[in-house]
């Protein structure tokens, strides 16, 4: 399978390229959501958001539910950015040095 980006492939029209992009974006969003949910469960099983608010150096009053929500949004955004960057790197074309060479 070639590693050229999908935008330069002549086998797909523009509508198909958009559908492929949105499908891949949806996969990244959904997987990052599920992983963030698992991370939030594990993290908040160990640490109480109310206690973290007490020991924090910032003087913002955040309740327990707001702490859960902020933690989940942090985990989700971190996982989304990680998945997005992995997808971008995988979609980059191969360089001439990385292409397979035939040895005689």
PDB file of N, CA and C in Angstrom:
ATOM      1  N   UNK A   1       0.848  -1.172   0.000  1.00  0.00           N
ATOM      2  CA  UNK A   1       0.000   0.000   0.000  1.00  0.00           C
ATOM      3  C   UNK A   1       0.896   1.239   0.000  1.00  0.00           C
ATOM      4  N   UNK A   2       0.647   2.163  -0.909  1.00  0.00           N
ATOM      5  CA  UNK A   2       1.487   3.367  -0.945  1.00  0.00           C
ATOM      6  C   UNK A   2       1.218   4.256   0.259  1.00  0.00           C
ATOM      7  N   UNK A   3       2.216   5.017   0.614  1.00  0.00           N
ATOM      8  CA  UNK A   3       2.082   5.893   1.775  1.00  0.00           C
ATOM      9  C   UNK A   3       1.891   7.342   1.370  1.00  0.00           C
ATOM     10  N   UNK A   4       1.410   7.569   0.155  1.00  0.00           N
ATOM     11  CA  UNK A   4       1.160   8.934  -0.290  1.00  0.00           C
ATOM     12  C   UNK A   4      -0.076   9.472   0.423  1.00  0.00           C
ATOM     13  N   UNK A   5      -0.159  10.791   0.632  1.00  0.00           N
ATOM     14  CA  UNK A   5      -1.340  11.357   1.279  1.00  0.00           C
ATOM     15  C   UNK A   5      -2.576  11.144   0.414  1.00  0.00           C
ATOM     16  N   UNK A   6      -3.715  11.050   1.052  1.00  0.00           N
ATOM     17  CA  UNK A   6      -4.959  10.745   0.357  1.00  0.00           C
ATOM     18  C   UNK A   6      -5.376  11.877  -0.587  1.00  0.00           C
ATOM     19  N   UNK A   7      -4.902  13.100  -0.363  1.00  0.00           N
ATOM     20  CA  UNK A   7      -5.307  14.226  -1.203  1.00  0.00           C
ATOM     21  C   UNK A   7      -4.696  14.162  -2.593  1.00  0.00           C
ATOM     22  N   UNK A   8      -3.601  13.460  -2.776  1.00  0.00           N
ATOM     23  CA  UNK A   8      -2.971  13.396  -4.085  1.00  0.00           C
ATOM     24  C   UNK A   8      -3.323  12.113  -4.838  1.00  0.00           C
ATOM     25  N   UNK A   9      -4.206  11.310  -4.317  1.00  0.00           N
ATOM     26  CA  UNK A   9      -4.570  10.063  -4.959  1.00  0.00           C
ATOM     27  C   UNK A   9      -5.638  10.338  -6.011  1.00  0.00           C
ATOM     28  N   UNK A  10      -5.386   9.943  -7.238  1.00  0.00           N
ATOM     29  CA  UNK A  10      -6.321  10.220  -8.324  1.00  0.00           C
ATOM     30  C   UNK A  10      -7.473   9.220  -8.370  1.00  0.00           C
ATOM     31  N   UNK A  11      -7.452   8.193  -7.538  1.00  0.00           N
ATOM     32  CA  UNK A  11      -8.529   7.205  -7.531  1.00  0.00           C
ATOM     33  C   UNK A  11      -9.772   7.696  -6.798  1.00  0.00           C
ATOM     34  N   UNK A  12      -9.668   8.782  -6.043  1.00  0.00           N
ATOM     35  CA  UNK A  12     -10.783   9.298  -5.263  1.00  0.00           C
ATOM     36  C   UNK A  12     -11.187  10.672  -5.773  1.00  0.00           C
ATOM     37  N   UNK A  13     -12.497  10.947  -5.754  1.00  0.00           N
ATOM     38  CA  UNK A  13     -12.934  12.304  -6.063  1.00  0.00           C
ATOM     39  C   UNK A  13     -12.976  13.119  -4.772  1.00  0.00           C
ATOM     40  N   UNK A  14     -13.300  14.403  -4.886  1.00  0.00           N
ATOM     41  CA  UNK A  14     -13.228  15.291  -3.718  1.00  0.00           C
ATOM     42  C   UNK A  14     -14.219  14.889  -2.635  1.00  0.00           C
ATOM     43  N   UNK A  15     -15.402  14.432  -3.023  1.00  0.00           N
ATOM     44  CA  UNK A  15     -16.413  14.021  -2.045  1.00  0.00           C
ATOM     45  C   UNK A  15     -15.932  12.806  -1.251  1.00  0.00           C
ATOM     46  N   UNK A  16     -15.319  11.855  -1.931  1.00  0.00           N
ATOM     47  CA  UNK A  16     -14.810  10.668  -1.249  1.00  0.00           C
ATOM     48  C   UNK A  16     -13.660  11.010  -0.313  1.00  0.00           C
ATOM     49  N   UNK A  17     -12.824  11.951  -0.718  1.00  0.00           N
ATOM     50  CA  UNK A  17     -11.712  12.375   0.139  1.00  0.00           C
ATOM     51  C   UNK A  17     -12.244  13.015   1.413  1.00  0.00           C
ATOM     52  N   UNK A  18     -13.299  13.842   1.287  1.00  0.00           N
ATOM     53  CA  UNK A  18     -13.901  14.461   2.475  1.00  0.00           C
ATOM     54  C   UNK A  18     -14.510  13.407   3.388  1.00  0.00           C
ATOM     55  N   UNK A  19     -15.188  12.424   2.811  1.00  0.00           N
ATOM     56  CA  UNK A  19     -15.789  11.374   3.629  1.00  0.00           C
ATOM     57  C   UNK A  19     -14.733  10.567   4.365  1.00  0.00           C
ATOM     58  N   UNK A  20     -13.636  10.269   3.680  1.00  0.00           N
ATOM     59  CA  UNK A  20     -12.545   9.536   4.327  1.00  0.00           C
ATOM     60  C   UNK A  20     -11.959  10.362   5.456  1.00  0.00           C
ATOM     61  N   UNK A  21     -11.771  11.670   5.229  1.00  0.00           N
ATOM     62  CA  UNK A  21     -11.228  12.542   6.269  1.00  0.00           C
ATOM     63  C   UNK A  21     -12.152  12.596   7.480  1.00  0.00           C
ATOM     64  N   UNK A  22     -13.462  12.799   7.248  1.00  0.00           N
ATOM     65  CA  UNK A  22     -14.396  12.894   8.373  1.00  0.00           C
ATOM     66  C   UNK A  22     -14.533  11.563   9.103  1.00  0.00           C
ATOM     67  N   UNK A  23     -14.435  10.459   8.388  1.00  0.00           N
ATOM     68  CA  UNK A  23     -14.487   9.154   9.047  1.00  0.00           C
ATOM     69  C   UNK A  23     -13.271   8.964   9.949  1.00  0.00           C
ATOM     70  N   UNK A  24     -12.102   9.333   9.445  1.00  0.00           N
ATOM     71  CA  UNK A  24     -10.888   9.206  10.262  1.00  0.00           C
ATOM     72  C   UNK A  24     -10.922  10.150  11.448  1.00  0.00           C
ATOM     73  N   UNK A  25     -11.435  11.364  11.243  1.00  0.00           N
ATOM     74  CA  UNK A  25     -11.560  12.311  12.352  1.00  0.00           C
ATOM     75  C   UNK A  25     -12.533  11.787  13.403  1.00  0.00           C
ATOM     76  N   UNK A  26     -13.641  11.201  12.960  1.00  0.00           N
ATOM     77  CA  UNK A  26     -14.600  10.617  13.892  1.00  0.00           C
ATOM     78  C   UNK A  26     -14.004   9.478  14.699  1.00  0.00           C
ATOM     79  N   UNK A  27     -13.172   8.678  14.068  1.00  0.00           N
ATOM     80  CA  UNK A  27     -12.509   7.580  14.779  1.00  0.00           C
ATOM     81  C   UNK A  27     -11.577   8.128  15.844  1.00  0.00           C
ATOM     82  N   UNK A  28     -10.813   9.170  15.501  1.00  0.00           N
ATOM     83  CA  UNK A  28      -9.894   9.770  16.476  1.00  0.00           C
ATOM     84  C   UNK A  28     -10.674  10.361  17.644  1.00  0.00           C
ATOM     85  N   UNK A  29     -11.784  11.051  17.360  1.00  0.00           N
ATOM     86  CA  UNK A  29     -12.583  11.660  18.430  1.00  0.00           C
ATOM     87  C   UNK A  29     -13.183  10.581  19.329  1.00  0.00           C
ATOM     88  N   UNK A  30     -13.743   9.534  18.746  1.00  0.00           N
ATOM     89  CA  UNK A  30     -14.394   8.495  19.534  1.00  0.00           C
ATOM     90  C   UNK A  30     -13.394   7.722  20.395  1.00  0.00           C
ATOM     91  N   UNK A  31     -12.271   7.354  19.824  1.00  0.00           N
ATOM     92  CA  UNK A  31     -11.265   6.612  20.590  1.00  0.00           C
ATOM     93  C   UNK A  31     -10.699   7.483  21.707  1.00  0.00           C
ATOM     94  N   UNK A  32     -10.448   8.766  21.427  1.00  0.00           N
ATOM     95  CA  UNK A  32      -9.926   9.648  22.472  1.00  0.00           C
ATOM     96  C   UNK A  32     -10.952   9.837  23.585  1.00  0.00           C
ATOM     97  N   UNK A  33     -12.252   9.834  23.258  1.00  0.00           N
ATOM     98  CA  UNK A  33     -13.300   9.930  24.269  1.00  0.00           C
ATOM     99  C   UNK A  33     -13.289   8.706  25.178  1.00  0.00           C
ATOM    100  N   UNK A  34     -13.212   7.526  24.585  1.00  0.00           N
ATOM    101  CA  UNK A  34     -13.226   6.301  25.391  1.00  0.00           C
ATOM    102  C   UNK A  34     -11.989   6.185  26.276  1.00  0.00           C
ATOM    103  N   UNK A  35     -10.835   6.535  25.739  1.00  0.00           N
ATOM    104  CA  UNK A  35      -9.604   6.469  26.534  1.00  0.00           C
ATOM    105  C   UNK A  35      -9.645   7.507  27.647  1.00  0.00           C
ATOM    106  N   UNK A  36     -10.187   8.704  27.361  1.00  0.00           N
ATOM    107  CA  UNK A  36     -10.301   9.733  28.397  1.00  0.00           C
ATOM    108  C   UNK A  36     -11.240   9.286  29.509  1.00  0.00           C
ATOM    109  N   UNK A  37     -12.309   8.593  29.164  1.00  0.00           N
ATOM    110  CA  UNK A  37     -13.217   8.083  30.194  1.00  0.00           C
ATOM    111  C   UNK A  37     -12.500   7.084  31.097  1.00  0.00           C
ATOM    112  N   UNK A  38     -11.728   6.186  30.504  1.00  0.00           N
ATOM    113  CA  UNK A  38     -10.982   5.214  31.308  1.00  0.00           C
ATOM    114  C   UNK A  38      -9.926   5.906  32.165  1.00  0.00           C
ATOM    115  N   UNK A  39      -9.234   6.894  31.605  1.00  0.00           N
ATOM    116  CA  UNK A  39      -8.227   7.621  32.377  1.00  0.00           C
ATOM    117  C   UNK A  39      -8.861   8.385  33.531  1.00  0.00           C
ATOM    118  N   UNK A  40     -10.015   8.993  33.291  1.00  0.00           N
ATOM    119  CA  UNK A  40     -10.679   9.748  34.353  1.00  0.00           C
ATOM    120  C   UNK A  40     -11.126   8.822  35.479  1.00  0.00           C
ATOM    121  N   UNK A  41     -11.625   7.650  35.129  1.00  0.00           N
ATOM    122  CA  UNK A  41     -12.044   6.696  36.157  1.00  0.00           C
ATOM    123  C   UNK A  41     -10.855   6.285  37.014  1.00  0.00           C
ATOM    124  N   UNK A  42      -9.748   5.945  36.373  1.00  0.00           N
ATOM    125  CA  UNK A  42      -8.566   5.508  37.124  1.00  0.00           C
ATOM    126  C   UNK A  42      -7.992   6.656  37.951  1.00  0.00           C
ATOM    127  N   UNK A  43      -7.892   7.848  37.363  1.00  0.00           N
ATOM    128  CA  UNK A  43      -7.305   8.983  38.072  1.00  0.00           C
ATOM    129  C   UNK A  43      -8.154   9.392  39.269  1.00  0.00           C
ATOM    130  N   UNK A  44      -9.467   9.521  39.056  1.00  0.00           N
ATOM    131  CA  UNK A  44     -10.319   9.994  40.146  1.00  0.00           C
ATOM    132  C   UNK A  44     -10.669   8.897  41.146  1.00  0.00           C
ATOM    133  N   UNK A  45     -10.324   7.652  40.862  1.00  0.00           N
ATOM    134  CA  UNK A  45     -10.418   6.614  41.885  1.00  0.00           C
ATOM    135  C   UNK A  45      -9.310   6.796  42.916  1.00  0.00           C
ATOM    136  N   UNK A  46      -8.209   7.414  42.505  1.00  0.00           N
ATOM    137  CA  UNK A  46      -7.080   7.642  43.400  1.00  0.00           C
ATOM    138  C   UNK A  46      -7.101   9.028  44.049  1.00  0.00           C
ATOM    139  N   UNK A  47      -7.564  10.039  43.310  1.00  0.00           N
ATOM    140  CA  UNK A  47      -7.487  11.424  43.781  1.00  0.00           C
ATOM    141  C   UNK A  47      -8.868  12.067  43.774  1.00  0.00           C
ATOM    142  N   UNK A  48      -9.214  12.712  44.885  1.00  0.00           N
ATOM    143  CA  UNK A  48     -10.486  13.412  45.008  1.00  0.00           C
ATOM    144  C   UNK A  48     -10.316  14.846  44.502  1.00  0.00           C
ATOM    145  N   UNK A  49     -11.187  15.317  43.591  1.00  0.00           N
ATOM    146  CA  UNK A  49     -11.047  16.682  43.078  1.00  0.00           C
ATOM    147  C   UNK A  49     -11.173  17.753  44.163  1.00  0.00           C
ATOM    148  N   UNK A  50     -11.979  17.503  45.190  1.00  0.00           N
ATOM    149  CA  UNK A  50     -12.109  18.484  46.269  1.00  0.00           C
ATOM    150  C   UNK A  50     -10.796  18.613  47.039  1.00  0.00           C
ATOM    151  N   UNK A  51     -10.122  17.502  47.273  1.00  0.00           N
ATOM    152  CA  UNK A  51      -8.831  17.550  47.959  1.00  0.00           C
ATOM    153  C   UNK A  51      -7.775  18.214  47.083  1.00  0.00           C
ATOM    154  N   UNK A  52      -7.783  17.928  45.790  1.00  0.00           N
ATOM    155  CA  UNK A  52      -6.838  18.574  44.877  1.00  0.00           C
ATOM    156  C   UNK A  52      -7.052  20.080  44.843  1.00  0.00           C
ATOM    157  N   UNK A  53      -8.307  20.518  44.976  1.00  0.00           N
ATOM    158  CA  UNK A  53      -8.598  21.952  45.014  1.00  0.00           C
ATOM    159  C   UNK A  53      -8.059  22.583  46.292  1.00  0.00           C
ATOM    160  N   UNK A  54      -8.093  21.845  47.397  1.00  0.00           N
ATOM    161  CA  UNK A  54      -7.588  22.382  48.666  1.00  0.00           C
ATOM    162  C   UNK A  54      -6.077  22.577  48.639  1.00  0.00           C
ATOM    163  N   UNK A  55      -5.355  21.658  48.026  1.00  0.00           N
ATOM    164  CA  UNK A  55      -3.892  21.755  48.042  1.00  0.00           C
ATOM    165  C   UNK A  55      -3.339  22.548  46.857  1.00  0.00           C
ATOM    166  N   UNK A  56      -4.205  22.983  45.954  1.00  0.00           N
ATOM    167  CA  UNK A  56      -3.740  23.733  44.782  1.00  0.00           C
ATOM    168  C   UNK A  56      -3.306  25.130  45.191  1.00  0.00           C
ATOM    169  N   UNK A  57      -2.346  25.675  44.461  1.00  0.00           N
ATOM    170  CA  UNK A  57      -1.868  27.029  44.752  1.00  0.00           C
ATOM    171  C   UNK A  57      -2.761  28.094  44.129  1.00  0.00           C
ATOM    172  N   UNK A  58      -3.650  27.707  43.230  1.00  0.00           N
ATOM    173  CA  UNK A  58      -4.581  28.656  42.608  1.00  0.00           C
ATOM    174  C   UNK A  58      -5.784  28.820  43.527  1.00  0.00           C
ATOM    175  N   UNK A  59      -6.247  30.030  43.696  1.00  0.00           N
ATOM    176  CA  UNK A  59      -7.358  30.306  44.620  1.00  0.00           C
ATOM    177  C   UNK A  59      -8.683  30.373  43.875  1.00  0.00           C
ATOM    178  N   UNK A  60      -9.013  29.327  43.135  1.00  0.00           N
ATOM    179  CA  UNK A  60     -10.291  29.247  42.436  1.00  0.00           C
ATOM    180  C   UNK A  60     -11.141  28.211  43.160  1.00  0.00           C
ATOM    181  N   UNK A  61     -12.380  28.565  43.431  1.00  0.00           N
ATOM    182  CA  UNK A  61     -13.275  27.641  44.105  1.00  0.00           C
ATOM    183  C   UNK A  61     -13.924  26.720  43.067  1.00  0.00           C
ATOM    184  N   UNK A  62     -13.485  25.479  43.055  1.00  0.00           N
ATOM    185  CA  UNK A  62     -14.019  24.483  42.128  1.00  0.00           C
ATOM    186  C   UNK A  62     -14.581  23.338  42.956  1.00  0.00           C
ATOM    187  N   UNK A  63     -15.823  22.996  42.686  1.00  0.00           N
ATOM    188  CA  UNK A  63     -16.456  21.893  43.390  1.00  0.00           C
ATOM    189  C   UNK A  63     -15.999  20.549  42.859  1.00  0.00           C
ATOM    190  N   UNK A  64     -16.548  19.502  43.470  1.00  0.00           N
ATOM    191  CA  UNK A  64     -16.155  18.151  43.088  1.00  0.00           C
ATOM    192  C   UNK A  64     -16.581  17.832  41.655  1.00  0.00           C
ATOM    193  N   UNK A  65     -17.820  18.163  41.295  1.00  0.00           N
ATOM    194  CA  UNK A  65     -18.316  17.858  39.952  1.00  0.00           C
ATOM    195  C   UNK A  65     -17.592  18.671  38.883  1.00  0.00           C
ATOM    196  N   UNK A  66     -17.266  19.922  39.194  1.00  0.00           N
ATOM    197  CA  UNK A  66     -16.499  20.721  38.237  1.00  0.00           C
ATOM    198  C   UNK A  66     -15.097  20.142  38.057  1.00  0.00           C
ATOM    199  N   UNK A  67     -14.522  19.614  39.123  1.00  0.00           N
ATOM    200  CA  UNK A  67     -13.214  18.971  39.034  1.00  0.00           C
ATOM    201  C   UNK A  67     -13.246  17.730  38.159  1.00  0.00           C
ATOM    202  N   UNK A  68     -14.314  16.923  38.323  1.00  0.00           N
ATOM    203  CA  UNK A  68     -14.461  15.754  37.458  1.00  0.00           C
ATOM    204  C   UNK A  68     -14.578  16.180  35.993  1.00  0.00           C
ATOM    205  N   UNK A  69     -15.392  17.204  35.740  1.00  0.00           N
ATOM    206  CA  UNK A  69     -15.601  17.662  34.360  1.00  0.00           C
ATOM    207  C   UNK A  69     -14.318  18.235  33.762  1.00  0.00           C
ATOM    208  N   UNK A  70     -13.614  19.057  34.518  1.00  0.00           N
ATOM    209  CA  UNK A  70     -12.367  19.636  34.010  1.00  0.00           C
ATOM    210  C   UNK A  70     -11.306  18.559  33.770  1.00  0.00           C
ATOM    211  N   UNK A  71     -11.236  17.587  34.656  1.00  0.00           N
ATOM    212  CA  UNK A  71     -10.286  16.493  34.466  1.00  0.00           C
ATOM    213  C   UNK A  71     -10.597  15.684  33.222  1.00  0.00           C
ATOM    214  N   UNK A  72     -11.888  15.383  33.028  1.00  0.00           N
ATOM    215  CA  UNK A  72     -12.270  14.630  31.835  1.00  0.00           C
ATOM    216  C   UNK A  72     -11.980  15.415  30.569  1.00  0.00           C
ATOM    217  N   UNK A  73     -12.284  16.715  30.553  1.00  0.00           N
ATOM    218  CA  UNK A  73     -12.009  17.544  29.371  1.00  0.00           C
ATOM    219  C   UNK A  73     -10.506  17.617  29.115  1.00  0.00           C
ATOM    220  N   UNK A  74      -9.704  17.710  30.172  1.00  0.00           N
ATOM    221  CA  UNK A  74      -8.251  17.709  30.002  1.00  0.00           C
ATOM    222  C   UNK A  74      -7.781  16.405  29.373  1.00  0.00           C
ATOM    223  N   UNK A  75      -8.234  15.268  29.919  1.00  0.00           N
ATOM    224  CA  UNK A  75      -7.826  13.974  29.373  1.00  0.00           C
ATOM    225  C   UNK A  75      -8.282  13.818  27.923  1.00  0.00           C
ATOM    226  N   UNK A  76      -9.517  14.249  27.627  1.00  0.00           N
ATOM    227  CA  UNK A  76     -10.053  14.112  26.277  1.00  0.00           C
ATOM    228  C   UNK A  76      -9.268  14.970  25.285  1.00  0.00           C
ATOM    229  N   UNK A  77      -8.996  16.215  25.653  1.00  0.00           N
ATOM    230  CA  UNK A  77      -8.255  17.090  24.735  1.00  0.00           C
ATOM    231  C   UNK A  77      -6.826  16.580  24.530  1.00  0.00           C
ATOM    232  N   UNK A  78      -6.193  16.097  25.586  1.00  0.00           N
ATOM    233  CA  UNK A  78      -4.838  15.555  25.450  1.00  0.00           C
ATOM    234  C   UNK A  78      -4.826  14.348  24.517  1.00  0.00           C
ATOM    235  N   UNK A  79      -5.774  13.431  24.694  1.00  0.00           N
ATOM    236  CA  UNK A  79      -5.839  12.247  23.837  1.00  0.00           C
ATOM    237  C   UNK A  79      -6.207  12.603  22.406  1.00  0.00           C
ATOM    238  N   UNK A  80      -7.076  13.602  22.223  1.00  0.00           N
ATOM    239  CA  UNK A  80      -7.445  14.024  20.873  1.00  0.00           C
ATOM    240  C   UNK A  80      -6.247  14.611  20.139  1.00  0.00           C
ATOM    241  N   UNK A  81      -5.492  15.471  20.816  1.00  0.00           N
ATOM    242  CA  UNK A  81      -4.310  16.074  20.187  1.00  0.00           C
ATOM    243  C   UNK A  81      -3.277  15.000  19.855  1.00  0.00           C
ATOM    244  N   UNK A  82      -3.100  14.048  20.757  1.00  0.00           N
ATOM    245  CA  UNK A  82      -2.158  12.958  20.504  1.00  0.00           C
ATOM    246  C   UNK A  82      -2.586  12.127  19.298  1.00  0.00           C
ATOM    247  N   UNK A  83      -3.845  11.764  19.235  1.00  0.00           N
ATOM    248  CA  UNK A  83      -4.343  10.989  18.100  1.00  0.00           C
ATOM    249  C   UNK A  83      -4.282  11.757  16.799  1.00  0.00           C
ATOM    250  N   UNK A  84      -4.571  13.051  16.864  1.00  0.00           N
ATOM    251  CA  UNK A  84      -4.517  13.886  15.669  1.00  0.00           C
ATOM    252  C   UNK A  84      -3.094  13.994  15.138  1.00  0.00           C
ATOM    253  N   UNK A  85      -2.147  14.201  16.033  1.00  0.00           N
ATOM    254  CA  UNK A  85      -0.750  14.284  15.605  1.00  0.00           C
ATOM    255  C   UNK A  85      -0.249  12.953  15.040  1.00  0.00           C
ATOM    256  N   UNK A  86      -0.669  11.850  15.631  1.00  0.00           N
ATOM    257  CA  UNK A  86      -0.289  10.539  15.079  1.00  0.00           C
ATOM    258  C   UNK A  86      -0.867  10.356  13.682  1.00  0.00           C
ATOM    259  N   UNK A  87      -2.109  10.776  13.477  1.00  0.00           N
ATOM    260  CA  UNK A  87      -2.717  10.670  12.155  1.00  0.00           C
ATOM    261  C   UNK A  87      -2.032  11.538  11.127  1.00  0.00           C
ATOM    262  N   UNK A  88      -1.631  12.738  11.527  1.00  0.00           N
ATOM    263  CA  UNK A  88      -0.934  13.633  10.602  1.00  0.00           C
ATOM    264  C   UNK A  88       0.418  13.053  10.220  1.00  0.00           C
ATOM    265  N   UNK A  89       1.137  12.538  11.196  1.00  0.00           N
ATOM    266  CA  UNK A  89       2.454  11.968  10.908  1.00  0.00           C
ATOM    267  C   UNK A  89       2.325  10.733  10.018  1.00  0.00           C
ATOM    268  N   UNK A  90       1.314   9.910  10.243  1.00  0.00           N
ATOM    269  CA  UNK A  90       1.137   8.720   9.416  1.00  0.00           C
ATOM    270  C   UNK A  90       0.707   9.063   7.993  1.00  0.00           C
ATOM    271  N   UNK A  91       0.064  10.207   7.793  1.00  0.00           N
ATOM    272  CA  UNK A  91      -0.398  10.598   6.461  1.00  0.00           C
ATOM    273  C   UNK A  91       0.675  11.310   5.654  1.00  0.00           C
ATOM    274  N   UNK A  92       1.786  11.654   6.274  1.00  0.00           N
ATOM    275  CA  UNK A  92       2.849  12.333   5.539  1.00  0.00           C
ATOM    276  C   UNK A  92       3.462  11.391   4.505  1.00  0.00           C
ATOM    277  N   UNK A  93       3.875  11.934   3.371  1.00  0.00           N
ATOM    278  CA  UNK A  93       4.515  11.068   2.372  1.00  0.00           C
ATOM    279  C   UNK A  93       5.896  10.628   2.835  1.00  0.00           C
ATOM    280  N   UNK A  94       6.328   9.499   2.328  1.00  0.00           N
ATOM    281  CA  UNK A  94       7.649   8.983   2.691  1.00  0.00           C
ATOM    282  C   UNK A  94       8.722   9.798   1.995  1.00  0.00           C
ATOM    283  N   UNK A  95       9.826   9.954   2.652  1.00  0.00           N
ATOM    284  CA  UNK A  95      10.950  10.657   2.040  1.00  0.00           C
ATOM    285  C   UNK A  95      11.726   9.698   1.147  1.00  0.00           C
ATOM    286  N   UNK A  96      12.620  10.248   0.362  1.00  0.00           N
ATOM    287  CA  UNK A  96      13.414   9.398  -0.527  1.00  0.00           C
ATOM    288  C   UNK A  96      14.327   8.471   0.266  1.00  0.00           C
ATOM    289  N   UNK A  97      14.782   8.921   1.431  1.00  0.00           N
ATOM    290  CA  UNK A  97      15.655   8.077   2.245  1.00  0.00           C
ATOM    291  C   UNK A  97      14.902   6.904   2.859  1.00  0.00           C
ATOM    292  N   UNK A  98      13.611   7.080   3.126  1.00  0.00           N
ATOM    293  CA  UNK A  98      12.841   6.029   3.785  1.00  0.00           C
ATOM    294  C   UNK A  98      12.209   5.055   2.799  1.00  0.00           C
ATOM    295  N   UNK A  99      12.240   5.362   1.508  1.00  0.00           N
ATOM    296  CA  UNK A  99      11.642   4.466   0.528  1.00  0.00           C
ATOM    297  C   UNK A  99      12.498   3.211   0.371  1.00  0.00           C
ATOM    298  N   UNK A 100      11.848   2.151   0.012  1.00  0.00           N
ATOM    299  CA  UNK A 100      12.559   0.882  -0.140  1.00  0.00           C
ATOM    300  C   UNK A 100      13.491   0.953  -1.343  1.00  0.00           C
ATOM    301  N   UNK A 101      14.656   0.439  -1.149  1.00  0.00           N
ATOM    302  CA  UNK A 101      15.622   0.379  -2.243  1.00  0.00           C
ATOM    303  C   UNK A 101      15.850  -1.074  -2.614  1.00  0.00           C
ATOM    304  N   UNK A 102      16.129  -1.295  -3.863  1.00  0.00           N
ATOM    305  CA  UNK A 102      16.409  -2.657  -4.309  1.00  0.00           C
ATOM    306  C   UNK A 102      17.916  -2.850  -4.359  1.00  0.00           C
ATOM    307  N   UNK A 103      18.376  -3.886  -3.720  1.00  0.00           N
ATOM    308  CA  UNK A 103      19.804  -4.205  -3.697  1.00  0.00           C
ATOM    309  C   UNK A 103      20.089  -5.260  -4.757  1.00  0.00           C
ATOM    310  N   UNK A 104      21.144  -5.047  -5.506  1.00  0.00           N
ATOM    311  CA  UNK A 104      21.494  -5.995  -6.573  1.00  0.00           C
ATOM    312  C   UNK A 104      22.589  -6.930  -6.145  1.00  0.00           C
TER     313      UNK A 104
END
